[in-house]
Amino acid sequence: MTVVLGDKQRFAAEVGEWDGVLCQVDLWVAGNRLTCDDNMAFAKQFRLAVLDTAARLRSGEGSSLPFAGLSPEATHRRLMLRAGDDDETGADYELRSQFRVLSWGPTTDNVTAHLFRNGDRLVITLQFWREEHLLKHPEHAGEVFVMEIPTAEFVGILEDLVAVLDGGQNQQALVLGRQ
């Protein structure tokens, strides 16, 4: 049974088939399917990563845009300006890492995403980076996608996703005769 949580035009998660270790998970941000390269997640690791993100956000973690006067898109570009280059300073790396989000393993490692808190709302920016993805989707080359969502809604979707993953693991345990 497939479960869809959220709104694909903002943020959504869809959980599908399970095989006991892997589960099909598709994620969308701003109408873009993030998991287009790999949508089979190691369920336990993925669940823990999502749970950690939800807990951090629920506790109030998250910073506002770090550069006064820059849009979220321009901020994303500035954070990525020297990413991975020889001239990237430790301070640049630390600043960029402070805003990194959706780092949930192989299922989401095809995008670079940042999260900024704006009062009771979150702004997420993301950019596809894999060459093979950009060859298949040339319209994504250089594009930074931006999505805004109430913090409570985003955290609620993450917590619901964890619950679905818990339920799937419990179903698998029952099928395999474990409890």
C-alpha atoms as a PDB file:
ATOM      1  CA  MET A   1       0.000   0.000   0.000  1.00  0.00           C
ATOM      2  CA  THR A   2       1.322   3.443  -0.930  1.00  0.00           C
ATOM      3  CA  VAL A   3       1.024   6.324   1.551  1.00  0.00           C
ATOM      4  CA  VAL A   4       1.389   9.967   0.465  1.00  0.00           C
ATOM      5  CA  LEU A   5       2.032  12.644   3.075  1.00  0.00           C
ATOM      6  CA  GLY A   6       1.989  16.374   2.308  1.00  0.00           C
ATOM      7  CA  ASP A   7       1.634  18.376  -0.890  1.00  0.00           C
ATOM      8  CA  LYS A   8       3.921  17.597  -3.833  1.00  0.00           C
ATOM      9  CA  GLN A   9       3.960  21.274  -4.842  1.00  0.00           C
ATOM     10  CA  ARG A  10       5.549  22.137  -1.467  1.00  0.00           C
ATOM     11  CA  PHE A  11       6.869  19.104   0.418  1.00  0.00           C
ATOM     12  CA  ALA A  12       5.649  15.533   0.237  1.00  0.00           C
ATOM     13  CA  ALA A  13       6.792  12.021   1.012  1.00  0.00           C
ATOM     14  CA  GLU A  14       5.408   8.862  -0.564  1.00  0.00           C
ATOM     15  CA  VAL A  15       6.189   5.476   0.949  1.00  0.00           C
ATOM     16  CA  GLY A  16       5.577   2.385  -1.140  1.00  0.00           C
ATOM     17  CA  GLU A  17       6.915  -1.171  -1.335  1.00  0.00           C
ATOM     18  CA  TRP A  18       8.987  -2.835   1.392  1.00  0.00           C
ATOM     19  CA  ASP A  19      11.279  -5.841   1.170  1.00  0.00           C
ATOM     20  CA  GLY A  20      12.232  -6.044   4.845  1.00  0.00           C
ATOM     21  CA  VAL A  21      15.344  -3.848   4.599  1.00  0.00           C
ATOM     22  CA  LEU A  22      14.639  -1.402   1.797  1.00  0.00           C
ATOM     23  CA  CYS A  23      11.529   0.632   1.241  1.00  0.00           C
ATOM     24  CA  GLN A  24      10.474   2.771  -1.676  1.00  0.00           C
ATOM     25  CA  VAL A  25      10.420   6.434  -0.647  1.00  0.00           C
ATOM     26  CA  ASP A  26       9.762   9.322  -2.998  1.00  0.00           C
ATOM     27  CA  LEU A  27      10.213  12.899  -1.855  1.00  0.00           C
ATOM     28  CA  TRP A  28       9.061  16.127  -3.486  1.00  0.00           C
ATOM     29  CA  VAL A  29      10.079  19.712  -2.834  1.00  0.00           C
ATOM     30  CA  ALA A  30       8.569  22.591  -4.815  1.00  0.00           C
ATOM     31  CA  GLY A  31       6.999  20.168  -7.291  1.00  0.00           C
ATOM     32  CA  ASN A  32      10.289  18.372  -7.994  1.00  0.00           C
ATOM     33  CA  ARG A  33      10.781  14.695  -7.253  1.00  0.00           C
ATOM     34  CA  LEU A  34      14.077  14.514  -5.368  1.00  0.00           C
ATOM     35  CA  THR A  35      14.384  10.750  -5.340  1.00  0.00           C
ATOM     36  CA  CYS A  36      14.496  10.394  -9.118  1.00  0.00           C
ATOM     37  CA  ASP A  37      17.966   8.788  -9.020  1.00  0.00           C
ATOM     38  CA  ASP A  38      17.419   6.396  -6.092  1.00  0.00           C
ATOM     39  CA  ASN A  39      14.125   5.906  -4.294  1.00  0.00           C
ATOM     40  CA  MET A  40      14.990   2.742  -2.361  1.00  0.00           C
ATOM     41  CA  ALA A  41      15.930   3.743   1.180  1.00  0.00           C
ATOM     42  CA  PHE A  42      17.526   1.652   3.886  1.00  0.00           C
ATOM     43  CA  ALA A  43      14.469   1.969   6.107  1.00  0.00           C
ATOM     44  CA  LYS A  44      16.143   2.037   9.547  1.00  0.00           C
ATOM     45  CA  GLN A  45      18.846   4.554   8.564  1.00  0.00           C
ATOM     46  CA  PHE A  46      16.386   6.733   6.643  1.00  0.00           C
ATOM     47  CA  ARG A  47      13.909   6.706   9.542  1.00  0.00           C
ATOM     48  CA  LEU A  48      16.593   7.788  12.026  1.00  0.00           C
ATOM     49  CA  ALA A  49      17.757  10.619   9.754  1.00  0.00           C
ATOM     50  CA  VAL A  50      14.202  11.912   9.254  1.00  0.00           C
ATOM     51  CA  LEU A  51      13.483  11.600  12.988  1.00  0.00           C
ATOM     52  CA  ASP A  52      16.652  13.568  13.802  1.00  0.00           C
ATOM     53  CA  THR A  53      15.624  16.378  11.429  1.00  0.00           C
ATOM     54  CA  ALA A  54      12.126  16.534  12.928  1.00  0.00           C
ATOM     55  CA  ALA A  55      13.495  16.627  16.493  1.00  0.00           C
ATOM     56  CA  ARG A  56      15.995  19.391  15.674  1.00  0.00           C
ATOM     57  CA  LEU A  57      13.328  21.539  14.029  1.00  0.00           C
ATOM     58  CA  ARG A  58      10.766  20.898  16.770  1.00  0.00           C
ATOM     59  CA  SER A  59      13.361  22.053  19.350  1.00  0.00           C
ATOM     60  CA  GLY A  60      13.696  25.366  17.517  1.00  0.00           C
ATOM     61  CA  GLU A  61      16.898  24.689  15.625  1.00  0.00           C
ATOM     62  CA  GLY A  62      17.415  26.494  12.374  1.00  0.00           C
ATOM     63  CA  SER A  63      18.779  29.918  11.530  1.00  0.00           C
ATOM     64  CA  SER A  64      17.514  32.750   9.420  1.00  0.00           C
ATOM     65  CA  LEU A  65      19.092  33.753   6.111  1.00  0.00           C
ATOM     66  CA  PRO A  66      22.743  34.574   6.877  1.00  0.00           C
ATOM     67  CA  PHE A  67      23.247  37.354   4.318  1.00  0.00           C
ATOM     68  CA  ALA A  68      21.173  40.502   4.762  1.00  0.00           C
ATOM     69  CA  GLY A  69      19.274  41.528   1.657  1.00  0.00           C
ATOM     70  CA  LEU A  70      19.823  38.305  -0.316  1.00  0.00           C
ATOM     71  CA  SER A  71      16.910  36.153  -1.454  1.00  0.00           C
ATOM     72  CA  PRO A  72      16.852  32.470  -0.463  1.00  0.00           C
ATOM     73  CA  GLU A  73      17.962  31.543  -4.012  1.00  0.00           C
ATOM     74  CA  ALA A  74      20.870  34.007  -3.939  1.00  0.00           C
ATOM     75  CA  THR A  75      21.803  32.813  -0.444  1.00  0.00           C
ATOM     76  CA  HIS A  76      21.879  29.190  -1.666  1.00  0.00           C
ATOM     77  CA  ARG A  77      24.151  30.207  -4.557  1.00  0.00           C
ATOM     78  CA  ARG A  78      26.459  32.172  -2.260  1.00  0.00           C
ATOM     79  CA  LEU A  79      26.717  29.256   0.193  1.00  0.00           C
ATOM     80  CA  MET A  80      27.633  26.964  -2.728  1.00  0.00           C
ATOM     81  CA  LEU A  81      30.058  29.409  -4.381  1.00  0.00           C
ATOM     82  CA  ARG A  82      33.250  27.602  -3.335  1.00  0.00           C
ATOM     83  CA  ALA A  83      31.740  24.303  -2.120  1.00  0.00           C
ATOM     84  CA  GLY A  84      34.284  21.543  -2.538  1.00  0.00           C
ATOM     85  CA  ASP A  85      36.855  23.836  -4.174  1.00  0.00           C
ATOM     86  CA  ASP A  86      40.458  24.055  -2.997  1.00  0.00           C
ATOM     87  CA  ASP A  87      39.891  27.668  -1.946  1.00  0.00           C
ATOM     88  CA  GLU A  88      36.869  26.891   0.253  1.00  0.00           C
ATOM     89  CA  THR A  89      37.764  27.991   3.770  1.00  0.00           C
ATOM     90  CA  GLY A  90      36.849  26.096   6.893  1.00  0.00           C
ATOM     91  CA  ALA A  91      34.576  28.984   7.863  1.00  0.00           C
ATOM     92  CA  ASP A  92      32.779  28.761   4.492  1.00  0.00           C
ATOM     93  CA  TYR A  93      32.309  25.011   4.958  1.00  0.00           C
ATOM     94  CA  GLU A  94      31.009  25.447   8.535  1.00  0.00           C
ATOM     95  CA  LEU A  95      28.558  28.171   7.482  1.00  0.00           C
ATOM     96  CA  ARG A  96      27.241  26.080   4.584  1.00  0.00           C
ATOM     97  CA  SER A  97      26.956  22.986   6.781  1.00  0.00           C
ATOM     98  CA  GLN A  98      24.907  24.912   9.353  1.00  0.00           C
ATOM     99  CA  PHE A  99      22.052  25.205   6.824  1.00  0.00           C
ATOM    100  CA  ARG A 100      22.321  21.778   5.156  1.00  0.00           C
ATOM    101  CA  VAL A 101      19.110  19.739   5.225  1.00  0.00           C
ATOM    102  CA  LEU A 102      17.646  16.556   3.716  1.00  0.00           C
ATOM    103  CA  SER A 103      20.976  14.750   4.170  1.00  0.00           C
ATOM    104  CA  TRP A 104      19.226  11.455   4.622  1.00  0.00           C
ATOM    105  CA  GLY A 105      21.639   9.079   2.880  1.00  0.00           C
ATOM    106  CA  PRO A 106      21.861   7.746  -0.680  1.00  0.00           C
ATOM    107  CA  THR A 107      18.181   8.441  -1.351  1.00  0.00           C
ATOM    108  CA  THR A 108      18.697  12.219  -1.114  1.00  0.00           C
ATOM    109  CA  ASP A 109      22.379  12.645  -1.963  1.00  0.00           C
ATOM    110  CA  ASN A 110      21.609  13.810  -5.513  1.00  0.00           C
ATOM    111  CA  VAL A 111      20.570  17.263  -4.296  1.00  0.00           C
ATOM    112  CA  THR A 112      22.096  20.002  -2.217  1.00  0.00           C
ATOM    113  CA  ALA A 113      19.472  21.519   0.063  1.00  0.00           C
ATOM    114  CA  HIS A 114      19.535  24.297   2.644  1.00  0.00           C
ATOM    115  CA  LEU A 115      16.972  25.248   5.257  1.00  0.00           C
ATOM    116  CA  PHE A 116      16.385  28.724   6.670  1.00  0.00           C
ATOM    117  CA  ARG A 117      13.986  29.592   9.494  1.00  0.00           C
ATOM    118  CA  ASN A 118      11.808  32.653   9.026  1.00  0.00           C
ATOM    119  CA  GLY A 119       9.708  32.997  12.187  1.00  0.00           C
ATOM    120  CA  ASP A 120       7.267  30.071  12.238  1.00  0.00           C
ATOM    121  CA  ARG A 121       8.027  29.221   8.612  1.00  0.00           C
ATOM    122  CA  LEU A 122      10.847  27.350   6.907  1.00  0.00           C
ATOM    123  CA  VAL A 123      12.392  28.101   3.554  1.00  0.00           C
ATOM    124  CA  ILE A 124      14.104  25.214   1.774  1.00  0.00           C
ATOM    125  CA  THR A 125      16.326  25.714  -1.254  1.00  0.00           C
ATOM    126  CA  LEU A 126      17.602  22.856  -3.347  1.00  0.00           C
ATOM    127  CA  GLN A 127      19.656  22.192  -6.416  1.00  0.00           C
ATOM    128  CA  PHE A 128      20.254  19.001  -8.364  1.00  0.00           C
ATOM    129  CA  TRP A 129      23.959  18.424  -8.950  1.00  0.00           C
ATOM    130  CA  ARG A 130      24.537  14.995 -10.526  1.00  0.00           C
ATOM    131  CA  GLU A 131      25.752  15.250 -14.108  1.00  0.00           C
ATOM    132  CA  GLU A 132      23.620  12.321 -15.298  1.00  0.00           C
ATOM    133  CA  HIS A 133      20.511  13.950 -13.808  1.00  0.00           C
ATOM    134  CA  LEU A 134      21.304  17.268 -15.461  1.00  0.00           C
ATOM    135  CA  LEU A 135      21.800  15.531 -18.816  1.00  0.00           C
ATOM    136  CA  LYS A 136      18.332  13.939 -18.511  1.00  0.00           C
ATOM    137  CA  HIS A 137      16.805  17.174 -17.180  1.00  0.00           C
ATOM    138  CA  PRO A 138      18.694  20.089 -18.752  1.00  0.00           C
ATOM    139  CA  GLU A 139      16.022  22.464 -17.438  1.00  0.00           C
ATOM    140  CA  HIS A 140      17.388  21.785 -13.919  1.00  0.00           C
ATOM    141  CA  ALA A 141      20.960  22.865 -14.771  1.00  0.00           C
ATOM    142  CA  GLY A 142      21.843  25.848 -12.610  1.00  0.00           C
ATOM    143  CA  GLU A 143      18.294  26.057 -11.207  1.00  0.00           C
ATOM    144  CA  VAL A 144      17.750  26.645  -7.493  1.00  0.00           C
ATOM    145  CA  PHE A 145      14.271  25.624  -6.356  1.00  0.00           C
ATOM    146  CA  VAL A 146      12.719  27.407  -3.381  1.00  0.00           C
ATOM    147  CA  MET A 147       9.861  26.226  -1.156  1.00  0.00           C
ATOM    148  CA  GLU A 148       8.323  27.833   1.915  1.00  0.00           C
ATOM    149  CA  ILE A 149       6.245  25.910   4.445  1.00  0.00           C
ATOM    150  CA  PRO A 150       5.033  26.420   8.028  1.00  0.00           C
ATOM    151  CA  THR A 151       7.448  24.745  10.448  1.00  0.00           C
ATOM    152  CA  ALA A 152       4.650  22.815  12.171  1.00  0.00           C
ATOM    153  CA  GLU A 153       3.424  21.421   8.836  1.00  0.00           C
ATOM    154  CA  PHE A 154       6.897  20.313   7.740  1.00  0.00           C
ATOM    155  CA  VAL A 155       7.693  18.727  11.114  1.00  0.00           C
ATOM    156  CA  GLY A 156       4.262  17.052  11.102  1.00  0.00           C
ATOM    157  CA  ILE A 157       4.949  15.484   7.699  1.00  0.00           C
ATOM    158  CA  LEU A 158       8.352  14.255   8.912  1.00  0.00           C
ATOM    159  CA  GLU A 159       6.833  12.759  12.056  1.00  0.00           C
ATOM    160  CA  ASP A 160       4.076  11.107  10.007  1.00  0.00           C
ATOM    161  CA  LEU A 161       6.763   9.715   7.688  1.00  0.00           C
ATOM    162  CA  VAL A 162       8.566   8.227  10.699  1.00  0.00           C
ATOM    163  CA  ALA A 163       5.278   6.684  11.873  1.00  0.00           C
ATOM    164  CA  VAL A 164       4.661   5.149   8.442  1.00  0.00           C
ATOM    165  CA  LEU A 165       8.203   3.774   8.407  1.00  0.00           C
ATOM    166  CA  ASP A 166       7.656   2.383  11.929  1.00  0.00           C
ATOM    167  CA  GLY A 167       4.417   0.763  10.764  1.00  0.00           C
ATOM    168  CA  GLY A 168       6.123  -0.757   7.749  1.00  0.00           C
ATOM    169  CA  GLN A 169       8.899  -2.175   9.896  1.00  0.00           C
ATOM    170  CA  ASN A 170       6.317  -3.635  12.283  1.00  0.00           C
ATOM    171  CA  GLN A 171       4.415  -5.169   9.342  1.00  0.00           C
ATOM    172  CA  GLN A 172       7.651  -6.703   8.039  1.00  0.00           C
ATOM    173  CA  ALA A 173       8.422  -8.117  11.500  1.00  0.00           C
ATOM    174  CA  LEU A 174       4.982  -9.735  11.657  1.00  0.00           C
ATOM    175  CA  VAL A 175       5.364 -11.188   8.151  1.00  0.00           C
ATOM    176  CA  LEU A 176       8.772 -12.575   9.080  1.00  0.00           C
ATOM    177  CA  GLY A 177       7.453 -13.915  12.434  1.00  0.00           C
ATOM    178  CA  ARG A 178       9.309 -11.385  14.630  1.00  0.00           C
ATOM    179  CA  GLN A 179       7.825  -8.981  17.169  1.00  0.00           C
END
